[in-house]
Amino acid sequence: MNPAPLPASGPLISVVLPTFQAAVCIEGALESLAAQTWRGFEVVVSDGASMDGTLECVRAWSHALPALTVSSRRDAGVYDAINQGVRLSRGAWFLVLGADDRLHASSALGEVAAVLQDAQALTGPAAGVEVIHGDVRMMATNQTGTPAGERYAGPMPLERLLRTNVCQQAIFYRRSLFDALGGFDLRYPLHADWQFNVRAALRHPFHWVDV
């Protein structure tokens, strides 16, 4: 069965996948997206001119995804790939998912979408917020000290964000915030997402959801 087309106004969520030579790991990410029971999202693959079969892997999943855009060209690294992918996206919100990451459950996007819709409609505790995030399950040894298999990170007020970051895979940003802040700053090759998050949190507190 072919997925239902997205509305002409565009999807609620754009999932941006920055990739480079990711053929060995991207199947898990694509499979977790294809399994989502809520379908109001698009997938934008922003690829850095991979030559290892990454693009063939991606296109093999096109029948199972609501909407797929693939852009492959040389870039200046992962944050440049993210910036280019977001600029190609059509969603009111975007999530950056690494090629070696996956959504934890088939209900994940649907659970978050309900909160994003409240934020759009200016109702409930998420009214007007610009960044909504949940948690990630760490699957290996990591720098946060979270045991493998356990959840990270919980609410992230500014004073905590100044000490530790939210994992990128758990954050949904308004597209208008990205435009206002000018995207991820390429002067920070390792922590441009953290720098972006601090700038975002200075505008409006983050909203955490238990997902």
Protein backbone atom coordinates (compact mmCIF):
# COMPACT_ATOMS: atom_id res chain seq x y z
CA MET A 1 0.00 0.00 0.00
CA ASN A 2 1.35 3.43 -0.89
CA PRO A 3 1.53 5.98 1.94
CA ALA A 4 -1.13 8.69 1.94
CA PRO A 5 0.09 11.97 0.37
CA LEU A 6 0.95 14.85 2.66
CA PRO A 7 -1.37 17.86 2.71
CA ALA A 8 -0.55 20.68 0.30
CA SER A 9 0.28 22.93 3.24
CA GLY A 10 3.19 20.65 4.14
CA PRO A 11 3.85 18.22 6.98
CA LEU A 12 3.86 19.04 10.67
CA ILE A 13 7.29 17.42 11.14
CA SER A 14 10.34 17.17 8.90
CA VAL A 15 12.85 14.50 9.91
CA VAL A 16 16.29 15.56 8.63
CA LEU A 17 18.91 12.81 8.25
CA PRO A 18 22.45 14.07 7.60
CA THR A 19 24.42 11.23 6.01
CA PHE A 20 27.90 10.43 4.73
CA GLN A 21 29.07 6.92 3.91
CA ALA A 22 26.24 5.59 6.10
CA ALA A 23 25.22 2.43 4.20
CA VAL A 24 26.28 0.15 7.06
CA CYS A 25 23.97 1.79 9.62
CA ILE A 26 21.14 3.75 8.01
CA GLU A 27 18.74 0.81 7.60
CA GLY A 28 17.81 0.97 11.29
CA ALA A 29 16.94 4.68 11.12
CA LEU A 30 14.83 4.25 7.99
CA GLU A 31 13.07 1.18 9.36
CA SER A 32 12.14 3.05 12.54
CA LEU A 33 10.70 5.91 10.48
CA ALA A 34 8.75 3.59 8.20
CA ALA A 35 7.24 1.91 11.28
CA GLN A 36 5.68 5.13 12.63
CA THR A 37 1.92 4.81 13.04
CA TRP A 38 1.40 8.60 12.71
CA ARG A 39 2.19 9.64 9.16
CA GLY A 40 2.17 13.44 9.08
CA PHE A 41 5.91 13.76 8.53
CA GLU A 42 8.44 13.96 5.72
CA VAL A 43 12.01 12.66 5.54
CA VAL A 44 14.83 14.82 4.14
CA VAL A 45 18.13 13.02 3.58
CA SER A 46 20.99 15.51 3.31
CA ASP A 47 23.97 13.54 2.04
CA GLY A 48 27.59 14.61 1.65
CA ALA A 49 28.23 12.88 -1.70
CA SER A 50 28.43 9.33 -0.35
CA MET A 51 29.91 6.66 -2.61
CA ASP A 52 29.23 3.57 -0.49
CA GLY A 53 25.63 2.77 -1.41
CA THR A 54 23.99 5.09 1.13
CA LEU A 55 21.69 6.61 -1.48
CA GLU A 56 20.63 3.22 -2.79
CA CYS A 57 19.74 2.15 0.77
CA VAL A 58 17.68 5.30 1.25
CA ARG A 59 15.78 5.02 -2.02
CA ALA A 60 14.94 1.38 -1.29
CA TRP A 61 12.76 2.65 1.58
CA SER A 62 10.98 5.37 -0.40
CA HIS A 63 7.83 3.24 -0.82
CA ALA A 64 7.44 2.95 2.96
CA LEU A 65 7.89 6.63 3.90
CA PRO A 66 5.21 9.36 3.70
CA ALA A 67 7.46 11.69 1.71
CA LEU A 68 11.15 11.52 0.90
CA THR A 69 13.56 14.15 -0.39
CA VAL A 70 17.16 13.18 -1.13
CA SER A 71 19.88 15.76 -1.73
CA SER A 72 23.46 14.62 -2.27
CA ARG A 73 26.35 17.02 -2.82
CA ARG A 74 29.59 17.88 -1.06
CA ASP A 75 29.23 19.74 2.21
CA ALA A 76 31.40 21.17 4.98
CA GLY A 77 30.50 18.56 7.58
CA VAL A 78 27.50 17.33 9.54
CA TYR A 79 26.17 20.73 10.63
CA ASP A 80 26.38 22.05 7.09
CA ALA A 81 24.46 18.95 5.98
CA ILE A 82 21.83 19.63 8.65
CA ASN A 83 21.51 23.28 7.63
CA GLN A 84 21.06 22.33 3.99
CA GLY A 85 18.53 19.64 4.88
CA VAL A 86 16.44 21.95 7.05
CA ARG A 87 16.36 24.56 4.30
CA LEU A 88 14.95 21.92 1.94
CA SER A 89 12.30 20.87 4.45
CA ARG A 90 8.64 21.90 4.45
CA GLY A 91 7.57 21.10 8.01
CA ALA A 92 6.53 23.53 10.73
CA TRP A 93 8.89 21.59 13.04
CA PHE A 94 12.01 19.55 12.40
CA LEU A 95 13.88 16.72 14.09
CA VAL A 96 17.48 15.79 13.28
CA LEU A 97 18.00 12.03 13.35
CA GLY A 98 21.48 10.57 12.95
CA ALA A 99 21.98 7.81 10.40
CA ASP A 100 23.06 5.47 13.21
CA ASP A 101 20.11 6.38 15.47
CA ARG A 102 16.52 5.18 15.48
CA LEU A 103 13.19 6.15 16.95
CA HIS A 104 12.54 4.07 20.05
CA ALA A 105 8.91 3.13 19.36
CA SER A 106 6.45 3.21 16.46
CA SER A 107 4.33 5.65 18.47
CA ALA A 108 7.14 8.19 19.05
CA LEU A 109 6.29 10.78 16.39
CA GLY A 110 2.57 10.50 17.08
CA GLU A 111 3.04 11.16 20.78
CA VAL A 112 5.15 14.24 20.11
CA ALA A 113 2.89 15.44 17.28
CA ALA A 114 0.02 15.89 19.73
CA VAL A 115 2.18 18.26 21.78
CA LEU A 116 3.41 20.11 18.69
CA GLN A 117 -0.17 20.63 17.54
CA ASP A 118 -1.02 22.18 20.92
CA ALA A 119 2.01 24.44 20.56
CA GLN A 120 0.82 25.48 17.10
CA ALA A 121 -2.71 26.14 18.39
CA LEU A 122 -1.40 28.11 21.41
CA THR A 123 -3.13 25.81 23.87
CA GLY A 124 -1.87 23.87 26.88
CA PRO A 125 1.55 24.03 28.58
CA ALA A 126 3.41 23.94 25.24
CA ALA A 127 1.68 27.04 23.88
CA GLY A 128 4.10 29.18 21.90
CA VAL A 129 7.26 27.26 22.78
CA GLU A 130 9.98 26.91 20.16
CA VAL A 131 11.81 23.78 21.33
CA ILE A 132 10.15 20.59 22.55
CA HIS A 133 12.25 17.62 23.61
CA GLY A 134 11.95 14.16 25.09
CA ASP A 135 14.56 11.64 26.17
CA VAL A 136 16.85 9.17 24.45
CA ARG A 137 17.77 5.66 25.47
CA MET A 138 21.55 5.31 25.52
CA MET A 139 22.57 2.04 23.87
CA ALA A 140 26.31 2.13 24.63
CA THR A 141 28.91 3.73 26.89
CA ASN A 142 28.56 7.51 26.61
CA GLN A 143 29.93 10.81 27.90
CA THR A 144 26.84 11.62 29.99
CA GLY A 145 27.53 8.79 32.42
CA THR A 146 24.11 7.26 31.72
CA PRO A 147 24.28 3.45 31.93
CA ALA A 148 23.73 1.64 28.63
CA GLY A 149 20.04 0.95 28.16
CA GLU A 150 18.92 3.81 30.44
CA ARG A 151 17.16 7.10 29.64
CA TYR A 152 18.71 10.55 29.38
CA ALA A 153 17.93 13.52 30.02
CA GLY A 154 14.68 14.88 31.56
CA PRO A 155 13.78 18.59 31.85
CA MET A 156 16.49 20.99 30.69
CA PRO A 157 16.22 24.48 32.21
CA LEU A 158 18.83 26.97 31.06
CA GLU A 159 21.04 26.53 34.12
CA ARG A 160 21.32 22.79 33.39
CA LEU A 161 21.72 23.32 29.65
CA LEU A 162 24.80 25.45 30.34
CA ARG A 163 26.43 22.34 31.85
CA THR A 164 25.14 19.55 29.61
CA ASN A 165 23.31 19.27 26.31
CA VAL A 166 20.11 17.61 25.14
CA CYS A 167 20.78 14.79 22.67
CA GLN A 168 20.03 16.04 19.18
CA GLN A 169 17.83 13.02 18.40
CA ALA A 170 15.33 14.05 21.08
CA ILE A 171 14.71 17.68 20.02
CA PHE A 172 11.94 19.12 17.88
CA TYR A 173 12.58 22.70 16.76
CA ARG A 174 10.23 25.18 15.16
CA ARG A 175 11.42 25.87 11.63
CA SER A 176 10.89 29.59 12.26
CA LEU A 177 13.41 29.40 15.13
CA PHE A 178 16.03 27.93 12.79
CA ASP A 179 15.45 30.80 10.35
CA ALA A 180 15.58 33.42 13.12
CA LEU A 181 18.88 32.10 14.53
CA GLY A 182 20.46 31.52 11.12
CA GLY A 183 20.89 27.76 11.49
CA PHE A 184 23.74 25.86 13.13
CA ASP A 185 26.99 27.83 13.35
CA LEU A 186 29.70 26.06 11.33
CA ARG A 187 32.42 27.64 13.45
CA TYR A 188 31.64 24.94 16.04
CA PRO A 189 32.48 21.64 14.30
CA LEU A 190 31.66 19.46 17.35
CA HIS A 191 29.11 21.38 19.41
CA ALA A 192 27.13 23.60 17.04
CA ASP A 193 23.92 21.97 18.27
CA TRP A 194 24.76 22.85 21.89
CA GLN A 195 25.54 26.43 20.93
CA PHE A 196 22.27 26.59 18.97
CA ASN A 197 20.36 25.19 21.94
CA VAL A 198 21.75 27.77 24.34
CA ARG A 199 20.82 30.57 21.95
CA ALA A 200 17.34 29.07 21.62
CA ALA A 201 16.89 28.71 25.38
CA LEU A 202 17.74 32.39 25.88
CA ARG A 203 14.67 33.19 23.76
CA HIS A 204 12.19 30.80 25.38
CA PRO A 205 12.40 27.91 27.89
CA PHE A 206 12.47 24.38 26.49
CA HIS A 207 9.40 22.20 26.97
CA TRP A 208 10.07 18.58 28.03
CA VAL A 209 7.70 15.72 27.27
CA ASP A 210 7.95 12.30 28.91
CA VAL A 211 8.52 10.40 25.64
